[in-house]
Amino acid sequence: MTNRAAAYIKLKKYKQALQDSEHALLLNPNFAKAHVRAYLCYVQVGNFEKAETALNEAIRLGDESSRTNLVQIGELLRYEQNARKAVADKKWSEAKYLYRSILNKASDSCKHTCLLMEAMVLENPRDLTDPISFSTKVQG
Protein backbone atom coordinates (compact mmCIF):
# COMPACT_ATOMS: atom_id res chain seq x y z
CA MET A 1 0.00 0.00 0.00
CA THR A 2 2.62 2.53 1.01
CA ASN A 3 4.75 1.70 -2.05
CA ARG A 4 1.79 2.72 -4.16
CA ALA A 5 1.65 6.02 -2.24
CA ALA A 6 5.32 6.61 -3.05
CA ALA A 7 4.62 5.96 -6.74
CA TYR A 8 1.68 8.38 -6.69
CA ILE A 9 3.90 11.04 -5.09
CA LYS A 10 6.49 10.60 -7.85
CA LEU A 11 3.70 11.01 -10.39
CA LYS A 12 2.48 14.12 -8.52
CA LYS A 13 -0.89 12.48 -7.86
CA TYR A 14 -1.04 13.78 -4.31
CA LYS A 15 -4.70 13.11 -3.59
CA GLN A 16 -4.34 9.43 -4.49
CA ALA A 17 -1.10 9.20 -2.49
CA LEU A 18 -2.82 10.80 0.47
CA GLN A 19 -5.66 8.28 0.32
CA ASP A 20 -3.16 5.42 0.32
CA SER A 21 -1.17 6.96 3.17
CA GLU A 22 -4.28 7.53 5.26
CA HIS A 23 -5.40 3.95 4.60
CA ALA A 24 -1.99 2.65 5.67
CA LEU A 25 -2.29 4.69 8.87
CA LEU A 26 -5.69 3.20 9.61
CA LEU A 27 -4.06 -0.22 9.44
CA ASN A 28 -0.97 0.81 11.39
CA PRO A 29 -0.99 4.24 13.10
CA ASN A 30 2.64 3.72 14.18
CA PHE A 31 3.99 3.53 10.63
CA ALA A 32 6.29 6.58 10.51
CA LYS A 33 6.90 6.41 6.76
CA ALA A 34 3.16 6.68 6.09
CA HIS A 35 3.05 9.80 8.28
CA VAL A 36 5.92 11.29 6.27
CA ARG A 37 4.16 10.54 3.00
CA ALA A 38 0.92 11.99 4.36
CA TYR A 39 2.87 15.11 5.38
CA LEU A 40 4.24 15.50 1.84
CA CYS A 41 0.76 15.16 0.36
CA TYR A 42 -0.88 17.50 2.86
CA VAL A 43 1.69 20.17 1.97
CA GLN A 44 1.05 19.78 -1.74
CA VAL A 45 -2.73 20.05 -1.37
CA GLY A 46 -2.37 23.04 0.98
CA ASN A 47 -3.54 21.55 4.27
CA PHE A 48 -0.68 22.80 6.42
CA GLU A 49 -2.23 22.09 9.81
CA LYS A 50 -2.66 18.41 8.96
CA ALA A 51 0.82 18.39 7.43
CA GLU A 52 2.28 19.69 10.67
CA THR A 53 0.38 17.06 12.67
CA ALA A 54 1.59 14.24 10.38
CA LEU A 55 5.16 15.53 10.55
CA ASN A 56 5.14 15.74 14.34
CA GLU A 57 3.73 12.22 14.52
CA ALA A 58 6.52 10.90 12.27
CA ILE A 59 9.09 12.56 14.50
CA ARG A 60 7.41 11.16 17.62
CA LEU A 61 7.66 7.70 16.06
CA GLY A 62 11.40 8.12 15.56
CA ASP A 63 11.82 9.58 12.07
CA GLU A 64 14.44 12.16 13.03
CA SER A 65 15.12 13.09 9.39
CA SER A 66 11.69 14.74 9.35
CA ARG A 67 12.86 17.42 11.79
CA THR A 68 14.35 19.36 8.89
CA ASN A 69 10.84 19.83 7.48
CA LEU A 70 9.63 21.65 10.60
CA VAL A 71 11.15 24.87 9.27
CA GLN A 72 9.32 24.53 5.94
CA ILE A 73 5.93 23.85 7.50
CA GLY A 74 6.39 26.71 9.96
CA GLU A 75 7.19 29.03 7.07
CA LEU A 76 4.12 27.93 5.12
CA LEU A 77 1.87 28.44 8.15
CA ARG A 78 3.33 31.96 8.60
CA TYR A 79 2.85 32.77 4.91
CA GLU A 80 -0.76 31.64 5.12
CA GLN A 81 -1.40 33.71 8.27
CA ASN A 82 0.30 36.78 6.78
CA ALA A 83 -1.63 36.38 3.52
CA ARG A 84 -4.94 36.33 5.43
CA LYS A 85 -3.87 39.50 7.24
CA ALA A 86 -2.83 41.16 3.97
CA VAL A 87 -6.25 40.37 2.47
CA ALA A 88 -8.01 41.73 5.55
CA ASP A 89 -5.92 44.91 5.24
CA LYS A 90 -6.55 45.04 1.47
CA LYS A 91 -2.84 44.79 0.71
CA TRP A 92 -3.37 42.92 -2.53
CA SER A 93 0.22 42.92 -3.82
CA GLU A 94 1.46 41.47 -0.54
CA ALA A 95 -1.31 38.85 -0.53
CA LYS A 96 -0.51 37.86 -4.12
CA TYR A 97 3.19 37.53 -3.30
CA LEU A 98 2.45 35.34 -0.28
CA TYR A 99 -0.02 33.12 -2.13
CA ARG A 100 2.49 32.66 -4.96
CA SER A 101 5.14 31.76 -2.39
CA ILE A 102 2.78 29.18 -0.92
CA LEU A 103 2.00 27.74 -4.35
CA ASN A 104 5.72 27.29 -5.02
CA LYS A 105 5.67 24.66 -2.25
CA ALA A 106 2.00 23.58 -2.43
CA SER A 107 1.58 23.24 -6.16
CA ASP A 108 -1.64 21.22 -5.98
CA SER A 109 -3.49 23.52 -3.58
CA CYS A 110 -6.84 24.48 -5.08
CA LYS A 111 -7.55 26.63 -2.03
CA HIS A 112 -4.44 28.78 -2.43
CA THR A 113 -4.86 28.98 -6.20
CA CYS A 114 -8.37 30.38 -5.70
CA LEU A 115 -7.20 32.78 -2.99
CA LEU A 116 -4.48 34.09 -5.30
CA MET A 117 -7.00 34.63 -8.08
CA GLU A 118 -9.35 36.37 -5.66
CA ALA A 119 -6.56 38.76 -4.61
CA MET A 120 -5.81 39.43 -8.28
CA VAL A 121 -9.42 40.30 -8.99
CA LEU A 122 -9.83 42.43 -5.88
CA GLU A 123 -6.64 44.34 -6.61
CA ASN A 124 -7.99 45.58 -9.92
CA PRO A 125 -11.62 44.55 -10.58
CA ARG A 126 -11.76 46.53 -13.83
CA ASP A 127 -8.82 44.70 -15.42
CA LEU A 128 -9.04 40.92 -15.31
CA THR A 129 -6.06 40.31 -17.59
CA ASP A 130 -3.83 38.86 -14.85
CA PRO A 131 -6.42 36.51 -13.31
CA ILE A 132 -7.50 35.27 -16.74
CA SER A 133 -3.89 34.68 -17.79
CA PHE A 134 -3.17 32.88 -14.51
CA SER A 135 -6.27 30.70 -14.78
CA THR A 136 -5.28 29.74 -18.31
CA LYS A 137 -1.84 28.62 -17.06
CA VAL A 138 -3.44 26.65 -14.21
CA GLN A 139 -5.80 24.85 -16.58
CA GLY A 140 -3.05 24.12 -19.12
C-alpha atoms as a PDB file:
ATOM      1  CA  MET A   1       0.000   0.000   0.000  1.00  0.00           C
ATOM      2  CA  THR A   2       2.620   2.526   1.011  1.00  0.00           C
ATOM      3  CA  ASN A   3       4.754   1.701  -2.055  1.00  0.00           C
ATOM      4  CA  ARG A   4       1.785   2.723  -4.160  1.00  0.00           C
ATOM      5  CA  ALA A   5       1.655   6.019  -2.244  1.00  0.00           C
ATOM      6  CA  ALA A   6       5.323   6.606  -3.055  1.00  0.00           C
ATOM      7  CA  ALA A   7       4.616   5.963  -6.742  1.00  0.00           C
ATOM      8  CA  TYR A   8       1.678   8.381  -6.694  1.00  0.00           C
ATOM      9  CA  ILE A   9       3.898  11.036  -5.091  1.00  0.00           C
ATOM     10  CA  LYS A  10       6.491  10.603  -7.846  1.00  0.00           C
ATOM     11  CA  LEU A  11       3.701  11.007 -10.391  1.00  0.00           C
ATOM     12  CA  LYS A  12       2.483  14.123  -8.521  1.00  0.00           C
ATOM     13  CA  LYS A  13      -0.885  12.480  -7.857  1.00  0.00           C
ATOM     14  CA  TYR A  14      -1.043  13.781  -4.310  1.00  0.00           C
ATOM     15  CA  LYS A  15      -4.696  13.111  -3.595  1.00  0.00           C
ATOM     16  CA  GLN A  16      -4.343   9.431  -4.487  1.00  0.00           C
ATOM     17  CA  ALA A  17      -1.098   9.201  -2.491  1.00  0.00           C
ATOM     18  CA  LEU A  18      -2.823  10.802   0.473  1.00  0.00           C
ATOM     19  CA  GLN A  19      -5.664   8.279   0.315  1.00  0.00           C
ATOM     20  CA  ASP A  20      -3.155   5.416   0.323  1.00  0.00           C
ATOM     21  CA  SER A  21      -1.165   6.957   3.173  1.00  0.00           C
ATOM     22  CA  GLU A  22      -4.279   7.531   5.263  1.00  0.00           C
ATOM     23  CA  HIS A  23      -5.399   3.955   4.603  1.00  0.00           C
ATOM     24  CA  ALA A  24      -1.986   2.647   5.674  1.00  0.00           C
ATOM     25  CA  LEU A  25      -2.287   4.695   8.871  1.00  0.00           C
ATOM     26  CA  LEU A  26      -5.688   3.198   9.605  1.00  0.00           C
ATOM     27  CA  LEU A  27      -4.064  -0.221   9.436  1.00  0.00           C
ATOM     28  CA  ASN A  28      -0.966   0.810  11.395  1.00  0.00           C
ATOM     29  CA  PRO A  29      -0.992   4.243  13.097  1.00  0.00           C
ATOM     30  CA  ASN A  30       2.639   3.716  14.176  1.00  0.00           C
ATOM     31  CA  PHE A  31       3.992   3.527  10.626  1.00  0.00           C
ATOM     32  CA  ALA A  32       6.290   6.581  10.509  1.00  0.00           C
ATOM     33  CA  LYS A  33       6.900   6.410   6.757  1.00  0.00           C
ATOM     34  CA  ALA A  34       3.157   6.678   6.086  1.00  0.00           C
ATOM     35  CA  HIS A  35       3.046   9.798   8.282  1.00  0.00           C
ATOM     36  CA  VAL A  36       5.924  11.291   6.273  1.00  0.00           C
ATOM     37  CA  ARG A  37       4.156  10.542   2.997  1.00  0.00           C
ATOM     38  CA  ALA A  38       0.922  11.994   4.355  1.00  0.00           C
ATOM     39  CA  TYR A  39       2.871  15.109   5.377  1.00  0.00           C
ATOM     40  CA  LEU A  40       4.237  15.503   1.841  1.00  0.00           C
ATOM     41  CA  CYS A  41       0.765  15.161   0.362  1.00  0.00           C
ATOM     42  CA  TYR A  42      -0.882  17.503   2.856  1.00  0.00           C
ATOM     43  CA  VAL A  43       1.688  20.173   1.975  1.00  0.00           C
ATOM     44  CA  GLN A  44       1.050  19.779  -1.743  1.00  0.00           C
ATOM     45  CA  VAL A  45      -2.730  20.049  -1.370  1.00  0.00           C
ATOM     46  CA  GLY A  46      -2.368  23.040   0.977  1.00  0.00           C
ATOM     47  CA  ASN A  47      -3.539  21.554   4.265  1.00  0.00           C
ATOM     48  CA  PHE A  48      -0.677  22.800   6.424  1.00  0.00           C
ATOM     49  CA  GLU A  49      -2.232  22.090   9.814  1.00  0.00           C
ATOM     50  CA  LYS A  50      -2.657  18.408   8.963  1.00  0.00           C
ATOM     51  CA  ALA A  51       0.821  18.394   7.427  1.00  0.00           C
ATOM     52  CA  GLU A  52       2.280  19.689  10.671  1.00  0.00           C
ATOM     53  CA  THR A  53       0.381  17.058  12.669  1.00  0.00           C
ATOM     54  CA  ALA A  54       1.594  14.236  10.385  1.00  0.00           C
ATOM     55  CA  LEU A  55       5.159  15.530  10.552  1.00  0.00           C
ATOM     56  CA  ASN A  56       5.142  15.736  14.340  1.00  0.00           C
ATOM     57  CA  GLU A  57       3.734  12.219  14.524  1.00  0.00           C
ATOM     58  CA  ALA A  58       6.517  10.903  12.267  1.00  0.00           C
ATOM     59  CA  ILE A  59       9.091  12.563  14.505  1.00  0.00           C
ATOM     60  CA  ARG A  60       7.412  11.162  17.619  1.00  0.00           C
ATOM     61  CA  LEU A  61       7.662   7.704  16.059  1.00  0.00           C
ATOM     62  CA  GLY A  62      11.398   8.116  15.558  1.00  0.00           C
ATOM     63  CA  ASP A  63      11.824   9.580  12.067  1.00  0.00           C
ATOM     64  CA  GLU A  64      14.443  12.164  13.026  1.00  0.00           C
ATOM     65  CA  SER A  65      15.117  13.088   9.390  1.00  0.00           C
ATOM     66  CA  SER A  66      11.687  14.744   9.345  1.00  0.00           C
ATOM     67  CA  ARG A  67      12.860  17.421  11.792  1.00  0.00           C
ATOM     68  CA  THR A  68      14.354  19.358   8.892  1.00  0.00           C
ATOM     69  CA  ASN A  69      10.841  19.826   7.484  1.00  0.00           C
ATOM     70  CA  LEU A  70       9.634  21.650  10.600  1.00  0.00           C
ATOM     71  CA  VAL A  71      11.152  24.865   9.266  1.00  0.00           C
ATOM     72  CA  GLN A  72       9.317  24.526   5.945  1.00  0.00           C
ATOM     73  CA  ILE A  73       5.925  23.848   7.499  1.00  0.00           C
ATOM     74  CA  GLY A  74       6.394  26.709   9.961  1.00  0.00           C
ATOM     75  CA  GLU A  75       7.192  29.026   7.066  1.00  0.00           C
ATOM     76  CA  LEU A  76       4.115  27.929   5.121  1.00  0.00           C
ATOM     77  CA  LEU A  77       1.874  28.439   8.148  1.00  0.00           C
ATOM     78  CA  ARG A  78       3.325  31.960   8.604  1.00  0.00           C
ATOM     79  CA  TYR A  79       2.849  32.766   4.910  1.00  0.00           C
ATOM     80  CA  GLU A  80      -0.757  31.643   5.124  1.00  0.00           C
ATOM     81  CA  GLN A  81      -1.403  33.707   8.266  1.00  0.00           C
ATOM     82  CA  ASN A  82       0.303  36.780   6.777  1.00  0.00           C
ATOM     83  CA  ALA A  83      -1.631  36.383   3.520  1.00  0.00           C
ATOM     84  CA  ARG A  84      -4.940  36.334   5.427  1.00  0.00           C
ATOM     85  CA  LYS A  85      -3.873  39.501   7.241  1.00  0.00           C
ATOM     86  CA  ALA A  86      -2.834  41.159   3.966  1.00  0.00           C
ATOM     87  CA  VAL A  87      -6.246  40.365   2.465  1.00  0.00           C
ATOM     88  CA  ALA A  88      -8.013  41.726   5.554  1.00  0.00           C
ATOM     89  CA  ASP A  89      -5.923  44.911   5.243  1.00  0.00           C
ATOM     90  CA  LYS A  90      -6.549  45.042   1.468  1.00  0.00           C
ATOM     91  CA  LYS A  91      -2.840  44.795   0.710  1.00  0.00           C
ATOM     92  CA  TRP A  92      -3.374  42.917  -2.530  1.00  0.00           C
ATOM     93  CA  SER A  93       0.215  42.924  -3.815  1.00  0.00           C
ATOM     94  CA  GLU A  94       1.461  41.465  -0.544  1.00  0.00           C
ATOM     95  CA  ALA A  95      -1.307  38.853  -0.534  1.00  0.00           C
ATOM     96  CA  LYS A  96      -0.509  37.862  -4.120  1.00  0.00           C
ATOM     97  CA  TYR A  97       3.194  37.531  -3.299  1.00  0.00           C
ATOM     98  CA  LEU A  98       2.452  35.344  -0.280  1.00  0.00           C
ATOM     99  CA  TYR A  99      -0.018  33.119  -2.128  1.00  0.00           C
ATOM    100  CA  ARG A 100       2.486  32.663  -4.962  1.00  0.00           C
ATOM    101  CA  SER A 101       5.143  31.757  -2.393  1.00  0.00           C
ATOM    102  CA  ILE A 102       2.777  29.183  -0.924  1.00  0.00           C
ATOM    103  CA  LEU A 103       1.996  27.741  -4.355  1.00  0.00           C
ATOM    104  CA  ASN A 104       5.722  27.289  -5.021  1.00  0.00           C
ATOM    105  CA  LYS A 105       5.671  24.660  -2.250  1.00  0.00           C
ATOM    106  CA  ALA A 106       2.004  23.579  -2.430  1.00  0.00           C
ATOM    107  CA  SER A 107       1.582  23.240  -6.164  1.00  0.00           C
ATOM    108  CA  ASP A 108      -1.642  21.220  -5.984  1.00  0.00           C
ATOM    109  CA  SER A 109      -3.493  23.517  -3.581  1.00  0.00           C
ATOM    110  CA  CYS A 110      -6.837  24.484  -5.083  1.00  0.00           C
ATOM    111  CA  LYS A 111      -7.554  26.632  -2.031  1.00  0.00           C
ATOM    112  CA  HIS A 112      -4.442  28.780  -2.434  1.00  0.00           C
ATOM    113  CA  THR A 113      -4.857  28.983  -6.199  1.00  0.00           C
ATOM    114  CA  CYS A 114      -8.368  30.383  -5.704  1.00  0.00           C
ATOM    115  CA  LEU A 115      -7.204  32.778  -2.989  1.00  0.00           C
ATOM    116  CA  LEU A 116      -4.484  34.087  -5.300  1.00  0.00           C
ATOM    117  CA  MET A 117      -6.997  34.631  -8.084  1.00  0.00           C
ATOM    118  CA  GLU A 118      -9.349  36.368  -5.657  1.00  0.00           C
ATOM    119  CA  ALA A 119      -6.556  38.756  -4.613  1.00  0.00           C
ATOM    120  CA  MET A 120      -5.805  39.425  -8.281  1.00  0.00           C
ATOM    121  CA  VAL A 121      -9.419  40.296  -8.991  1.00  0.00           C
ATOM    122  CA  LEU A 122      -9.832  42.430  -5.883  1.00  0.00           C
ATOM    123  CA  GLU A 123      -6.637  44.338  -6.607  1.00  0.00           C
ATOM    124  CA  ASN A 124      -7.992  45.583  -9.918  1.00  0.00           C
ATOM    125  CA  PRO A 125     -11.621  44.549 -10.575  1.00  0.00           C
ATOM    126  CA  ARG A 126     -11.757  46.531 -13.830  1.00  0.00           C
ATOM    127  CA  ASP A 127      -8.819  44.696 -15.419  1.00  0.00           C
ATOM    128  CA  LEU A 128      -9.045  40.918 -15.313  1.00  0.00           C
ATOM    129  CA  THR A 129      -6.056  40.313 -17.593  1.00  0.00           C
ATOM    130  CA  ASP A 130      -3.833  38.860 -14.851  1.00  0.00           C
ATOM    131  CA  PRO A 131      -6.422  36.513 -13.308  1.00  0.00           C
ATOM    132  CA  ILE A 132      -7.503  35.267 -16.736  1.00  0.00           C
ATOM    133  CA  SER A 133      -3.893  34.682 -17.787  1.00  0.00           C
ATOM    134  CA  PHE A 134      -3.167  32.885 -14.510  1.00  0.00           C
ATOM    135  CA  SER A 135      -6.272  30.700 -14.776  1.00  0.00           C
ATOM    136  CA  THR A 136      -5.279  29.745 -18.314  1.00  0.00           C
ATOM    137  CA  LYS A 137      -1.844  28.616 -17.058  1.00  0.00           C
ATOM    138  CA  VAL A 138      -3.437  26.648 -14.212  1.00  0.00           C
ATOM    139  CA  GLN A 139      -5.796  24.855 -16.577  1.00  0.00           C
ATOM    140  CA  GLY A 140      -3.050  24.122 -19.119  1.00  0.00           C
END
